[in-house]
Amino acid sequence: MRILVIEDDEALGASLTWGLKAEGYVVCLTADGAEGLWLAQEHDFDLIVLDVMLPGLDGYQICARLREAGKWTPILMLTAMDAPLDQAEGLDLGADDYLTKPFSYPVLLAHLRALLRRSTRERPAQLRSGELTLDPATHAVHFAGRPLALTPGEASVLEYLLRAEGRTVSKAELLEHCWDMASRADPAVVEVRIHHLRRKTDASVIETVRGRGYRIDPHRP
């Protein structure tokens, strides 16, 4: 899952990036409103964490412009302004949720998970393929009844393939959604991560579709 964080508080931005990456999300961080708008328009994200007070363009302007352009990526707005009218303005402009600073990190994660569940694509509580299960909320993975110790990056690839519901996913698509922008130069990193996942699960779980990419059959016995 890819999250765009638009936050000009350097310490908070770094903390959010570190924490979300540790949870297995791919994070793109910017501190500038205009750049954030451009990133949100030019790239596909699963969710946007948007501060209100930003240089260049504020969060309200970014939210309004994205909705006017038909971009319906879920938006969680962050702000130190807790007046009801401030919250109402953000929601009326198209934000999906609102969180005031300071906030508890577990509460932030719960808000993000709720938004991801409510987005247009159905997001079940547990992803499954045969004896393989993955809980998106906790990133707990089990195979044949035993827990698997996956890295956040491995869990991210596995979750993306499971959510594809049998569709073949190319290396380029996996790089786009499961690696940050600085790590997308070499498609060989996808092969390495797939190899690690096969070793930890079973060689038959992730199928190679020659010349096209990888898939997981959601109806495996």
Protein backbone atom coordinates (compact mmCIF):
# COMPACT_ATOMS: atom_id res chain seq x y z
CA MET A 1 0.00 0.00 0.00
CA ARG A 2 1.38 3.41 -1.01
CA ILE A 3 0.82 6.47 1.16
CA LEU A 4 1.62 10.09 0.29
CA VAL A 5 2.43 12.19 3.36
CA ILE A 6 2.28 15.97 2.86
CA GLU A 7 3.59 17.45 6.11
CA ASP A 8 5.94 20.42 6.62
CA ASP A 9 6.83 19.67 10.25
CA GLU A 10 10.21 18.01 9.72
CA ALA A 11 10.16 15.95 12.91
CA LEU A 12 6.58 14.76 12.44
CA GLY A 13 7.13 13.99 8.77
CA ALA A 14 10.20 11.90 9.57
CA SER A 15 8.37 10.12 12.41
CA LEU A 16 5.37 9.30 10.22
CA THR A 17 7.61 8.05 7.41
CA TRP A 18 9.62 5.81 9.74
CA GLY A 19 6.54 4.47 11.52
CA LEU A 20 4.50 3.77 8.39
CA LYS A 21 7.42 2.06 6.66
CA ALA A 22 7.85 -0.13 9.73
CA GLU A 23 4.19 -1.14 9.29
CA GLY A 24 4.93 -2.24 5.71
CA TYR A 25 3.58 0.79 3.84
CA VAL A 26 5.47 2.46 1.00
CA VAL A 27 5.73 6.16 1.92
CA CYS A 28 6.40 9.25 -0.17
CA LEU A 29 7.01 12.39 1.92
CA THR A 30 6.98 16.02 0.85
CA ALA A 31 6.90 19.22 2.91
CA ASP A 32 5.67 21.49 0.10
CA GLY A 33 2.03 21.94 -0.81
CA ALA A 34 2.56 22.53 -4.53
CA GLU A 35 4.82 19.50 -4.84
CA GLY A 36 2.33 17.42 -2.86
CA LEU A 37 -0.47 18.35 -5.25
CA TRP A 38 1.71 17.42 -8.23
CA LEU A 39 2.65 14.06 -6.71
CA ALA A 40 -0.97 13.26 -5.89
CA GLN A 41 -2.03 14.09 -9.46
CA GLU A 42 0.81 12.31 -11.27
CA HIS A 43 1.08 9.11 -9.21
CA ASP A 44 -1.34 6.55 -7.82
CA PHE A 45 -1.49 6.37 -4.03
CA ASP A 46 -3.77 4.29 -1.85
CA LEU A 47 -4.10 7.09 0.71
CA ILE A 48 -2.97 10.67 1.36
CA VAL A 49 -2.07 12.06 4.80
CA LEU A 50 -2.46 15.80 4.37
CA ASP A 51 -1.46 18.58 6.76
CA VAL A 52 -3.57 21.74 6.61
CA MET A 53 -0.94 24.44 7.15
CA LEU A 54 1.61 24.07 4.34
CA PRO A 55 3.91 26.32 2.31
CA GLY A 56 2.89 26.89 -1.29
CA LEU A 57 -0.66 25.53 -1.11
CA ASP A 58 -2.52 24.71 2.06
CA GLY A 59 -4.25 21.38 2.69
CA TYR A 60 -7.72 22.77 1.95
CA GLN A 61 -6.59 23.99 -1.50
CA ILE A 62 -4.89 20.67 -2.29
CA CYS A 63 -7.94 18.68 -1.25
CA ALA A 64 -10.31 20.87 -3.28
CA ARG A 65 -8.15 20.74 -6.42
CA LEU A 66 -7.78 16.97 -6.27
CA ARG A 67 -11.53 16.47 -5.97
CA GLU A 68 -12.21 18.96 -8.76
CA ALA A 69 -9.81 16.96 -10.95
CA GLY A 70 -11.67 13.74 -10.19
CA LYS A 71 -8.95 12.30 -7.94
CA TRP A 72 -10.74 10.36 -5.20
CA THR A 73 -7.79 8.95 -3.29
CA PRO A 74 -8.81 8.77 0.40
CA ILE A 75 -7.51 11.80 2.33
CA LEU A 76 -6.82 11.99 6.05
CA MET A 77 -6.27 15.61 7.09
CA LEU A 78 -3.98 16.50 9.99
CA THR A 79 -4.17 19.84 11.74
CA ALA A 80 -3.57 21.62 15.00
CA MET A 81 -6.83 23.54 14.45
CA ASP A 82 -9.56 21.69 16.31
CA ALA A 83 -12.47 24.13 15.92
CA PRO A 84 -15.61 22.44 14.53
CA LEU A 85 -15.76 24.87 11.60
CA ASP A 86 -12.18 24.00 10.59
CA GLN A 87 -13.04 20.31 10.58
CA ALA A 88 -16.26 20.95 8.68
CA GLU A 89 -14.42 22.92 6.00
CA GLY A 90 -11.96 20.09 5.35
CA LEU A 91 -14.71 17.48 5.16
CA ASP A 92 -16.89 19.66 2.94
CA LEU A 93 -13.98 20.12 0.52
CA GLY A 94 -13.72 16.36 0.09
CA ALA A 95 -11.49 15.02 2.88
CA ASP A 96 -12.51 11.59 4.13
CA ASP A 97 -11.31 11.90 7.72
CA TYR A 98 -9.84 14.45 10.10
CA LEU A 99 -7.32 14.07 12.95
CA THR A 100 -6.18 16.86 15.23
CA LYS A 101 -2.64 17.25 16.57
CA PRO A 102 -1.27 16.00 18.86
CA PHE A 103 -2.52 12.50 18.16
CA SER A 104 -1.72 8.98 19.28
CA TYR A 105 0.16 6.96 16.67
CA PRO A 106 -2.00 3.82 17.20
CA VAL A 107 -5.09 6.00 16.65
CA LEU A 108 -3.57 7.34 13.41
CA LEU A 109 -2.98 3.78 12.20
CA ALA A 110 -6.56 2.85 13.06
CA HIS A 111 -7.86 5.82 11.04
CA LEU A 112 -5.68 4.81 8.08
CA ARG A 113 -6.88 1.21 8.17
CA ALA A 114 -10.51 2.36 8.35
CA LEU A 115 -10.03 4.61 5.31
CA LEU A 116 -8.37 1.84 3.33
CA ARG A 117 -11.25 -0.50 4.14
CA ARG A 118 -13.79 2.08 3.01
CA SER A 119 -12.10 2.91 -0.30
CA THR A 120 -13.83 1.88 -3.51
CA ARG A 121 -12.11 -1.48 -3.73
CA GLU A 122 -13.34 -4.06 -1.23
CA ARG A 123 -10.77 -4.75 1.46
CA PRO A 124 -11.66 -7.86 3.46
CA ALA A 125 -10.56 -8.27 7.06
CA GLN A 126 -8.35 -11.21 6.10
CA LEU A 127 -6.72 -12.10 2.79
CA ARG A 128 -6.50 -15.78 1.95
CA SER A 129 -5.20 -18.22 -0.64
CA GLY A 130 -5.44 -21.86 0.35
CA GLU A 131 -3.45 -22.37 3.54
CA LEU A 132 -1.97 -18.85 3.33
CA THR A 133 -3.61 -16.02 5.30
CA LEU A 134 -2.62 -12.40 5.84
CA ASP A 135 -4.23 -9.93 8.24
CA PRO A 136 -3.81 -6.42 6.75
CA ALA A 137 -4.39 -4.74 10.13
CA THR A 138 -1.59 -6.55 11.97
CA HIS A 139 0.43 -7.88 9.00
CA ALA A 140 0.31 -11.30 10.67
CA VAL A 141 0.88 -14.03 8.08
CA HIS A 142 0.21 -17.75 8.57
CA PHE A 143 0.86 -20.67 6.27
CA ALA A 144 -0.41 -24.17 6.99
CA GLY A 145 -1.29 -23.07 10.52
CA ARG A 146 2.14 -21.72 11.42
CA PRO A 147 3.09 -18.03 11.74
CA LEU A 148 5.58 -16.65 9.24
CA ALA A 149 8.19 -14.04 10.09
CA LEU A 150 8.11 -11.68 7.10
CA THR A 151 9.88 -8.37 6.70
CA PRO A 152 7.62 -5.33 6.10
CA GLY A 153 8.72 -5.33 2.45
CA GLU A 154 7.88 -9.00 2.00
CA ALA A 155 4.48 -8.52 3.64
CA SER A 156 3.80 -5.56 1.34
CA VAL A 157 4.45 -7.60 -1.82
CA LEU A 158 2.44 -10.54 -0.52
CA GLU A 159 -0.51 -8.30 0.38
CA TYR A 160 -0.46 -6.62 -3.03
CA LEU A 161 -0.49 -9.96 -4.85
CA LEU A 162 -3.31 -11.27 -2.66
CA ARG A 163 -5.38 -8.15 -3.25
CA ALA A 164 -4.95 -8.59 -7.02
CA GLU A 165 -7.33 -11.60 -6.67
CA GLY A 166 -5.62 -13.78 -9.25
CA ARG A 167 -4.67 -11.01 -11.68
CA THR A 168 -1.11 -11.19 -13.02
CA VAL A 169 0.97 -8.32 -11.60
CA SER A 170 4.04 -7.11 -13.49
CA LYS A 171 7.40 -6.32 -11.92
CA ALA A 172 6.89 -2.66 -12.86
CA GLU A 173 3.56 -2.55 -10.99
CA LEU A 174 5.08 -4.17 -7.91
CA LEU A 175 7.95 -1.67 -7.98
CA GLU A 176 5.45 1.18 -8.27
CA HIS A 177 3.36 0.09 -5.31
CA CYS A 178 5.74 -1.78 -2.98
CA TRP A 179 9.00 0.17 -3.19
CA ASP A 180 9.71 3.83 -2.53
CA MET A 181 10.80 6.04 -5.41
CA ALA A 182 14.49 5.84 -4.54
CA SER A 183 14.53 2.04 -4.79
CA ARG A 184 12.83 1.40 -8.12
CA ALA A 185 15.82 1.38 -10.46
CA ASP A 186 16.42 -2.37 -10.71
CA PRO A 187 13.57 -4.85 -11.37
CA ALA A 188 15.86 -7.60 -10.04
CA VAL A 189 14.90 -6.56 -6.50
CA VAL A 190 11.41 -7.90 -7.24
CA GLU A 191 12.82 -11.30 -8.17
CA VAL A 192 14.83 -11.39 -4.95
CA ARG A 193 11.81 -10.59 -2.78
CA ILE A 194 9.63 -13.15 -4.59
CA HIS A 195 12.37 -15.74 -4.03
CA HIS A 196 12.41 -14.97 -0.29
CA LEU A 197 8.62 -15.26 -0.09
CA ARG A 198 8.66 -18.63 -1.86
CA ARG A 199 11.26 -19.93 0.57
CA LYS A 200 9.15 -18.85 3.55
CA THR A 201 5.81 -20.15 2.20
CA ASP A 202 5.81 -22.72 -0.58
CA ALA A 203 7.19 -22.59 -4.10
CA SER A 204 3.70 -23.09 -5.55
CA VAL A 205 2.04 -20.14 -3.78
CA ILE A 206 3.36 -17.41 -6.09
CA GLU A 207 3.08 -18.38 -9.75
CA THR A 208 5.34 -16.92 -12.44
CA VAL A 209 3.48 -15.95 -15.61
CA ARG A 210 6.26 -15.97 -18.18
CA GLY A 211 6.88 -12.57 -19.71
CA ARG A 212 4.12 -10.91 -17.67
CA GLY A 213 4.79 -11.12 -13.93
CA TYR A 214 3.43 -12.94 -10.88
CA ARG A 215 0.07 -14.02 -9.52
CA ILE A 216 -1.49 -15.77 -6.52
CA ASP A 217 -4.55 -17.89 -7.17
CA PRO A 218 -7.11 -16.89 -4.50
CA HIS A 219 -8.87 -20.24 -4.98
CA ARG A 220 -5.91 -22.50 -4.26
CA PRO A 221 -6.93 -25.60 -2.28
